[in-house]
Amino acid sequence: MSDFAQSNPRLHIEWDFGPDAPAGIGRLLALLTAIEASGSIAGAARDTGLSYRNAWGLINAWQAYFGQPLIATARAHGSTLEAFARQLLEVDRGARQSLARALDGASQPMRALSLQPAEHGGAALRFAASHEPLLNDLIRQLRSERSDAATVTLATHGSLESLLALAARRCEIAGFHCPIGELGRDIWALYRAQHGLPRLRLIGFARRRQGLILARGNPKKVSGLADLSRTDLRFVHRQPGAGTRLAFDLLARRAGLDTRALNEGDEEHTHAAVAALIASDEADAGLGLEAFAHRLGLDFIPLFEEMYFLAMRDAPASRDTVQSLSVLLRQPDWRARADGLSGYSLAEAGVEYDLATAERLLFGG
């Protein structure tokens, strides 16, 4: 098991309004609760893992279904719940409170079952990783070398969530990235401070360049971060917890940008989605990898370099995996994959690091 409780299944209830109702009543109630607490739809969307656009879509769908307004907005005063929305939350909370003890008791047998040790004997190789196009190639190669290809899986998350998945033993390998230089120090410290994170062994995977992805020809004449405060620009974010989002928030604060206005924009979960949104004229700018801007013929302003690492537990059980991955990634044919990717270098691919040597790579000294 992990260093802290990783398995605590609970039986929940959810509302069923029938086949004609919109999807997502649970998400709506969570969103309304967050709006009640923060007074901001953008902030509530971020807290509940929705894009700003999807949050409004959810609200509008249920307002139409109920025939009642749920949200009241006023310029410079944020958003508040209408009386009907407050009544929805009151009924929901009352029902859950009255059933809490019975549901907890009914959950106990499942908790006991989930604590039994796994029987796969460590054969599975589960990746939880921030979006990185070369990881798909690695997964395909690893599957081709295994008799049971299904044991190699990839789940795409933000860097922070991927490291937490490793801490909770929901994966064997976490992929994450951190800016090189002073920009990365706070992000690195945030990664290391996560509760339950074990001693790590890292493998270098790729050095990448990130910056502002802009529409082809840069029709809005964006010259740098300062232009993102303009009201005529539509900015698309990565999701909270993504390494790219963490880097952007730091850059924005250093540039003195009003991030509250920027945070009203859309959110996407991959560099490819950010670039595609800009290419389809659904947004004007976003932070992402140069490789995806180049692939779609978009303009690009470089802002920083970063290292992408594969992290594993520094333990005897993972040493064979570390060694085999290191050998694979050092091969000339693997490192040649960077030739077709703009803003990439695989010079450090396959190099093994502990945390101290990784810090020297990132920050010098």
Protein backbone atom coordinates (compact mmCIF):
# COMPACT_ATOMS: atom_id res chain seq x y z
CA MET A 1 0.00 0.00 0.00
CA SER A 2 1.08 3.67 -0.28
CA ASP A 3 2.51 5.88 2.43
CA PHE A 4 -0.97 7.20 3.13
CA ALA A 5 -4.46 5.78 2.70
CA GLN A 6 -4.97 5.21 -1.01
CA SER A 7 -8.14 3.14 -1.07
CA ASN A 8 -11.25 4.36 0.68
CA PRO A 9 -14.23 3.44 -1.52
CA ARG A 10 -17.54 4.96 -0.55
CA LEU A 11 -21.05 4.26 -1.74
CA HIS A 12 -22.71 7.43 -3.04
CA ILE A 13 -26.19 8.47 -4.09
CA GLU A 14 -27.01 10.50 -7.16
CA TRP A 15 -30.16 12.12 -8.46
CA ASP A 16 -32.05 10.77 -11.47
CA PHE A 17 -34.33 13.30 -13.15
CA GLY A 18 -35.36 10.91 -15.91
CA PRO A 19 -34.40 10.38 -19.56
CA ASP A 20 -35.37 13.90 -20.67
CA ALA A 21 -33.05 15.64 -18.21
CA PRO A 22 -29.61 16.96 -19.24
CA ALA A 23 -26.55 14.98 -18.20
CA GLY A 24 -24.39 15.99 -15.27
CA ILE A 25 -26.64 16.80 -12.29
CA GLY A 26 -23.78 15.82 -9.96
CA ARG A 27 -21.40 18.18 -11.72
CA LEU A 28 -24.03 20.93 -11.62
CA LEU A 29 -24.48 20.61 -7.86
CA ALA A 30 -20.71 20.64 -7.34
CA LEU A 31 -20.42 23.72 -9.57
CA LEU A 32 -23.22 25.55 -7.71
CA THR A 33 -21.54 24.73 -4.40
CA ALA A 34 -18.25 26.18 -5.68
CA ILE A 35 -19.99 29.32 -6.99
CA GLU A 36 -21.67 29.75 -3.62
CA ALA A 37 -18.26 29.61 -1.93
CA SER A 38 -16.23 31.74 -4.35
CA GLY A 39 -18.70 34.10 -6.03
CA SER A 40 -16.97 33.43 -9.36
CA ILE A 41 -18.06 31.16 -12.20
CA ALA A 42 -14.52 31.09 -13.61
CA GLY A 43 -13.05 30.15 -10.25
CA ALA A 44 -15.77 27.58 -9.59
CA ALA A 45 -15.22 26.01 -13.02
CA ARG A 46 -11.51 25.73 -12.31
CA ASP A 47 -12.13 24.17 -8.90
CA THR A 48 -14.49 21.55 -10.33
CA GLY A 49 -12.33 20.66 -13.35
CA LEU A 50 -14.56 22.28 -15.99
CA SER A 51 -13.67 24.78 -18.68
CA TYR A 52 -15.41 28.15 -18.41
CA ARG A 53 -17.38 27.37 -21.56
CA ASN A 54 -18.46 23.95 -20.30
CA ALA A 55 -19.52 25.41 -16.94
CA TRP A 56 -21.86 27.85 -18.65
CA GLY A 57 -23.15 25.11 -20.94
CA LEU A 58 -24.03 23.00 -17.89
CA ILE A 59 -25.76 25.92 -16.16
CA ASN A 60 -27.75 26.89 -19.25
CA ALA A 61 -28.87 23.30 -19.93
CA TRP A 62 -30.27 22.89 -16.41
CA GLN A 63 -31.79 26.37 -16.31
CA ALA A 64 -33.73 25.44 -19.44
CA TYR A 65 -34.79 22.11 -17.92
CA PHE A 66 -35.97 23.61 -14.62
CA GLY A 67 -37.43 26.72 -16.22
CA GLN A 68 -35.77 28.63 -13.40
CA PRO A 69 -32.67 30.87 -13.29
CA LEU A 70 -29.80 29.43 -11.27
CA ILE A 71 -27.17 32.19 -11.39
CA ALA A 72 -27.28 35.95 -11.01
CA THR A 73 -24.32 37.89 -12.39
CA ALA A 74 -23.46 41.53 -11.94
CA ARG A 75 -20.50 43.39 -13.40
CA ALA A 76 -17.74 43.92 -10.82
CA HIS A 77 -19.77 41.97 -8.23
CA GLY A 78 -19.21 38.39 -9.35
CA SER A 79 -21.89 35.70 -9.44
CA THR A 80 -24.41 34.56 -6.83
CA LEU A 81 -26.97 31.78 -6.64
CA GLU A 82 -30.62 32.47 -7.31
CA ALA A 83 -33.13 31.29 -4.72
CA PHE A 84 -34.00 28.13 -6.68
CA ALA A 85 -30.32 27.09 -6.86
CA ARG A 86 -29.94 27.58 -3.12
CA GLN A 87 -33.00 25.37 -2.58
CA LEU A 88 -31.49 22.66 -4.81
CA LEU A 89 -28.35 22.61 -2.69
CA GLU A 90 -30.34 22.60 0.55
CA VAL A 91 -32.39 19.58 -0.52
CA ASP A 92 -29.31 17.74 -1.76
CA ARG A 93 -27.36 18.36 1.45
CA GLY A 94 -30.29 17.30 3.61
CA ALA A 95 -30.71 14.03 1.72
CA ARG A 96 -27.03 13.20 1.91
CA GLN A 97 -26.83 14.01 5.60
CA SER A 98 -29.79 11.79 6.45
CA LEU A 99 -28.32 8.84 4.51
CA ALA A 100 -24.66 9.33 5.46
CA ARG A 101 -24.51 6.76 8.27
CA ALA A 102 -26.29 4.04 6.26
CA LEU A 103 -24.07 4.59 3.22
CA ASP A 104 -20.92 4.51 5.34
CA GLY A 105 -21.93 1.18 6.88
CA ALA A 106 -22.77 -0.30 3.50
CA SER A 107 -19.32 0.78 2.21
CA GLN A 108 -17.32 -1.16 4.80
CA PRO A 109 -17.19 -4.55 3.00
CA MET A 110 -15.92 -2.92 -0.20
CA ARG A 111 -13.20 -1.08 1.74
CA ALA A 112 -11.99 -4.33 3.25
CA LEU A 113 -11.94 -5.97 -0.18
CA SER A 114 -10.01 -3.11 -1.81
CA LEU A 115 -7.24 -3.35 0.80
CA GLN A 116 -6.31 -6.87 -0.30
CA PRO A 117 -2.92 -6.94 -2.08
CA ALA A 118 -2.86 -7.04 -5.86
CA GLU A 119 -2.18 -10.36 -7.54
CA HIS A 120 -0.51 -9.20 -10.74
CA GLY A 121 2.92 -9.54 -9.11
CA GLY A 122 4.21 -6.22 -10.41
CA ALA A 123 3.81 -7.23 -14.08
CA ALA A 124 1.71 -4.18 -14.97
CA LEU A 125 3.48 -1.08 -16.25
CA ARG A 126 1.08 1.80 -15.80
CA PHE A 127 2.07 5.30 -16.92
CA ALA A 128 0.34 8.40 -15.56
CA ALA A 129 1.82 11.32 -17.43
CA SER A 130 1.53 14.87 -18.61
CA HIS A 131 0.80 15.17 -22.33
CA GLU A 132 3.90 14.28 -24.36
CA PRO A 133 3.62 13.05 -27.98
CA LEU A 134 6.70 10.78 -27.82
CA LEU A 135 5.19 8.83 -24.92
CA ASN A 136 2.73 7.25 -27.35
CA ASP A 137 5.69 5.92 -29.35
CA LEU A 138 7.28 4.57 -26.17
CA ILE A 139 4.07 2.82 -25.12
CA ARG A 140 3.75 1.17 -28.55
CA GLN A 141 7.35 -0.04 -28.40
CA LEU A 142 6.99 -1.43 -24.87
CA ARG A 143 3.78 -3.23 -25.84
CA SER A 144 5.50 -4.80 -28.84
CA GLU A 145 8.12 -6.27 -26.50
CA ARG A 146 5.61 -7.84 -24.09
CA SER A 147 3.61 -11.02 -24.45
CA ASP A 148 0.69 -9.29 -22.70
CA ALA A 149 0.54 -5.84 -24.30
CA ALA A 150 -2.49 -4.87 -22.19
CA THR A 151 -0.28 -4.60 -19.12
CA VAL A 152 1.30 -1.38 -20.51
CA THR A 153 -1.15 1.50 -20.15
CA LEU A 154 -1.03 5.30 -20.39
CA ALA A 155 -3.36 7.72 -18.60
CA THR A 156 -2.91 11.42 -19.42
CA HIS A 157 -3.04 13.84 -16.48
CA GLY A 158 -1.34 17.04 -15.43
CA SER A 159 2.20 16.79 -14.04
CA LEU A 160 1.05 17.30 -10.46
CA GLU A 161 -1.72 14.70 -10.67
CA SER A 162 0.67 12.21 -12.28
CA LEU A 163 3.13 12.50 -9.40
CA LEU A 164 0.28 12.06 -6.92
CA ALA A 165 -0.79 8.92 -8.80
CA LEU A 166 2.73 7.56 -8.31
CA ALA A 167 2.57 8.40 -4.60
CA ALA A 168 -0.75 6.55 -4.32
CA ARG A 169 0.56 3.52 -6.29
CA ARG A 170 -1.98 4.05 -9.05
CA CYS A 171 0.89 3.87 -11.54
CA GLU A 172 4.47 2.62 -11.79
CA ILE A 173 5.81 5.54 -13.86
CA ALA A 174 4.86 9.23 -13.72
CA GLY A 175 5.70 11.65 -16.52
CA PHE A 176 6.12 15.29 -15.53
CA HIS A 177 7.99 18.39 -16.66
CA CYS A 178 9.64 21.42 -15.11
CA PRO A 179 11.07 24.65 -16.61
CA ILE A 180 14.84 25.00 -16.69
CA GLY A 181 16.21 27.96 -14.72
CA GLU A 182 14.70 30.24 -12.10
CA LEU A 183 11.17 29.89 -13.48
CA GLY A 184 11.17 26.24 -12.48
CA ARG A 185 12.29 26.55 -8.85
CA ASP A 186 8.85 27.19 -7.36
CA ILE A 187 7.26 24.48 -9.51
CA TRP A 188 9.94 21.97 -8.51
CA ALA A 189 9.42 22.85 -4.85
CA LEU A 190 5.66 22.30 -5.30
CA TYR A 191 6.26 18.86 -6.80
CA ARG A 192 8.59 17.83 -3.98
CA ALA A 193 6.19 19.06 -1.28
CA GLN A 194 3.37 16.69 -2.25
CA HIS A 195 2.23 14.50 0.63
CA GLY A 196 3.20 10.86 0.34
CA LEU A 197 5.67 11.32 -2.53
CA PRO A 198 8.27 8.55 -2.22
CA ARG A 199 12.00 8.67 -2.90
CA LEU A 200 12.26 8.98 -6.67
CA ARG A 201 14.52 7.83 -9.45
CA LEU A 202 14.22 9.95 -12.59
CA ILE A 203 15.01 9.27 -16.24
CA GLY A 204 15.46 12.13 -18.68
CA PHE A 205 12.94 11.89 -21.51
CA ALA A 206 12.97 15.12 -23.53
CA ARG A 207 14.07 18.73 -23.46
CA ARG A 208 11.25 20.84 -24.91
CA ARG A 209 10.59 24.48 -25.79
CA GLN A 210 7.33 26.16 -24.78
CA GLY A 211 5.93 29.55 -25.66
CA LEU A 212 2.93 31.42 -26.99
CA ILE A 213 1.12 29.62 -29.81
CA LEU A 214 -0.56 32.19 -32.08
CA ALA A 215 -2.74 32.16 -35.17
CA ARG A 216 -0.94 31.82 -38.50
CA GLY A 217 0.58 35.13 -39.49
CA ASN A 218 -0.06 36.54 -36.01
CA PRO A 219 -3.01 38.71 -37.14
CA LYS A 220 -3.49 40.17 -33.64
CA LYS A 221 0.17 41.35 -33.61
CA VAL A 222 0.99 39.69 -30.29
CA SER A 223 4.59 40.42 -29.29
CA GLY A 224 4.73 38.87 -25.82
CA LEU A 225 3.02 38.13 -22.53
CA ALA A 226 2.06 41.76 -21.91
CA ASP A 227 -0.35 41.64 -24.88
CA LEU A 228 -2.44 38.94 -23.21
CA SER A 229 -4.15 41.58 -21.08
CA ARG A 230 -5.79 42.99 -24.23
CA THR A 231 -9.57 42.54 -24.28
CA ASP A 232 -9.59 41.58 -27.97
CA LEU A 233 -7.53 38.43 -27.39
CA ARG A 234 -9.09 35.04 -26.66
CA PHE A 235 -6.69 33.02 -24.53
CA VAL A 236 -6.93 29.25 -24.06
CA HIS A 237 -5.49 27.75 -20.85
CA ARG A 238 -4.23 24.33 -19.88
CA GLN A 239 -6.09 22.76 -16.96
CA PRO A 240 -5.15 23.47 -13.30
CA GLY A 241 -2.37 21.18 -12.09
CA ALA A 242 -0.81 20.86 -15.55
CA GLY A 243 2.89 21.74 -15.55
CA THR A 244 2.26 24.18 -18.39
CA ARG A 245 -0.48 25.91 -16.38
CA LEU A 246 1.80 26.19 -13.34
CA ALA A 247 4.50 27.77 -15.51
CA PHE A 248 2.04 30.16 -17.14
CA ASP A 249 0.64 31.37 -13.83
CA LEU A 250 4.18 32.17 -12.66
CA LEU A 251 5.03 33.96 -15.91
CA ALA A 252 1.79 35.94 -15.76
CA ARG A 253 2.42 37.09 -12.20
CA ARG A 254 5.97 38.13 -13.06
CA ALA A 255 4.66 40.11 -16.03
CA GLY A 256 2.05 41.84 -13.84
CA LEU A 257 -0.88 40.44 -15.81
CA ASP A 258 -4.41 40.37 -14.41
CA THR A 259 -4.81 36.59 -14.31
CA ARG A 260 -8.43 36.92 -13.17
CA ALA A 261 -9.42 38.13 -16.62
CA LEU A 262 -7.28 35.50 -18.36
CA ASN A 263 -8.79 32.73 -16.25
CA GLU A 264 -12.19 33.43 -17.81
CA GLY A 265 -10.95 31.72 -20.97
CA ASP A 266 -11.32 28.12 -22.15
CA GLU A 267 -9.23 25.26 -20.78
CA GLU A 268 -7.84 22.28 -22.67
CA HIS A 269 -6.00 19.18 -21.45
CA THR A 270 -3.31 18.74 -24.12
CA HIS A 271 -0.89 20.86 -26.16
CA ALA A 272 -2.49 19.42 -29.29
CA ALA A 273 -5.94 20.65 -28.23
CA VAL A 274 -4.61 24.16 -27.51
CA ALA A 275 -2.99 24.35 -30.95
CA ALA A 276 -6.09 22.93 -32.67
CA LEU A 277 -8.35 25.49 -31.01
CA ILE A 278 -6.14 28.32 -32.26
CA ALA A 279 -5.84 26.80 -35.74
CA SER A 280 -9.65 26.62 -35.99
CA ASP A 281 -10.00 30.30 -34.96
CA GLU A 282 -11.69 29.42 -31.66
CA ALA A 283 -8.88 31.19 -29.75
CA ASP A 284 -6.07 33.63 -30.50
CA ALA A 285 -3.31 32.52 -28.14
CA GLY A 286 -2.26 29.82 -25.69
CA LEU A 287 0.85 28.50 -24.01
CA GLY A 288 2.13 25.26 -25.46
CA LEU A 289 4.87 23.29 -27.18
CA GLU A 290 6.60 24.66 -30.25
CA ALA A 291 6.25 21.25 -31.91
CA PHE A 292 2.46 21.57 -32.13
CA ALA A 293 2.59 25.15 -33.40
CA HIS A 294 4.99 24.03 -36.12
CA ARG A 295 2.88 20.98 -36.99
CA LEU A 296 -0.20 23.16 -37.69
CA GLY A 297 1.67 26.03 -39.34
CA LEU A 298 0.98 28.45 -36.47
CA ASP A 299 3.13 31.31 -35.21
CA PHE A 300 5.18 30.83 -32.06
CA ILE A 301 6.99 33.06 -29.54
CA PRO A 302 9.44 31.02 -27.40
CA LEU A 303 9.35 31.68 -23.64
CA PHE A 304 11.25 28.90 -21.84
CA GLU A 305 12.86 25.47 -22.07
CA GLU A 306 11.87 22.60 -19.82
CA MET A 307 12.85 19.04 -18.99
CA TYR A 308 10.38 16.18 -19.18
CA PHE A 309 11.19 13.33 -16.79
CA LEU A 310 9.91 9.83 -16.15
CA ALA A 311 9.72 9.21 -12.40
CA MET A 312 9.72 5.85 -10.59
CA ARG A 313 10.05 4.78 -7.02
CA ASP A 314 13.71 4.49 -5.98
CA ALA A 315 13.28 0.91 -4.78
CA PRO A 316 14.65 -2.54 -5.69
CA ALA A 317 11.38 -3.53 -7.38
CA SER A 318 11.71 -0.77 -10.00
CA ARG A 319 15.45 -1.04 -10.77
CA ASP A 320 15.03 -3.42 -13.71
CA THR A 321 12.43 -1.08 -15.25
CA VAL A 322 14.68 1.94 -14.76
CA GLN A 323 17.60 0.16 -16.39
CA SER A 324 15.64 -1.17 -19.37
CA LEU A 325 14.03 2.20 -20.08
CA SER A 326 17.38 3.94 -19.76
CA VAL A 327 18.95 1.60 -22.31
CA LEU A 328 16.02 1.95 -24.74
CA LEU A 329 15.98 5.77 -24.61
CA ARG A 330 19.75 6.04 -25.15
CA GLN A 331 19.56 4.19 -28.47
CA PRO A 332 20.49 6.33 -31.51
CA ASP A 333 17.27 5.39 -33.31
CA TRP A 334 15.20 6.60 -30.36
CA ARG A 335 17.10 9.90 -30.03
CA ALA A 336 16.68 10.45 -33.77
CA ARG A 337 12.94 10.86 -33.17
CA ALA A 338 13.58 14.46 -32.15
CA ASP A 339 14.71 15.28 -35.70
CA GLY A 340 11.16 15.88 -36.86
CA LEU A 341 9.99 17.73 -33.74
CA SER A 342 10.55 21.48 -33.62
CA GLY A 343 11.81 22.71 -30.25
CA TYR A 344 12.88 19.24 -29.04
CA SER A 345 16.15 17.67 -27.93
CA LEU A 346 16.65 14.09 -26.76
CA ALA A 347 20.29 14.56 -25.75
CA GLU A 348 19.38 13.73 -22.12
CA ALA A 349 16.99 10.89 -23.00
CA GLY A 350 17.76 7.81 -20.93
CA VAL A 351 20.06 9.60 -18.49
CA GLU A 352 19.33 8.57 -14.90
CA TYR A 353 19.01 11.18 -12.14
CA ASP A 354 18.31 11.30 -8.46
CA LEU A 355 16.64 14.47 -7.20
CA ALA A 356 19.93 16.22 -6.44
CA THR A 357 21.43 15.65 -9.90
CA ALA A 358 18.11 16.59 -11.55
CA GLU A 359 18.19 19.87 -9.66
CA ARG A 360 21.71 20.58 -10.93
CA LEU A 361 20.51 19.94 -14.48
CA LEU A 362 17.56 22.30 -14.03
CA PHE A 363 19.06 25.06 -11.94
CA GLY A 364 22.84 24.72 -12.18
CA GLY A 365 25.27 24.73 -9.26
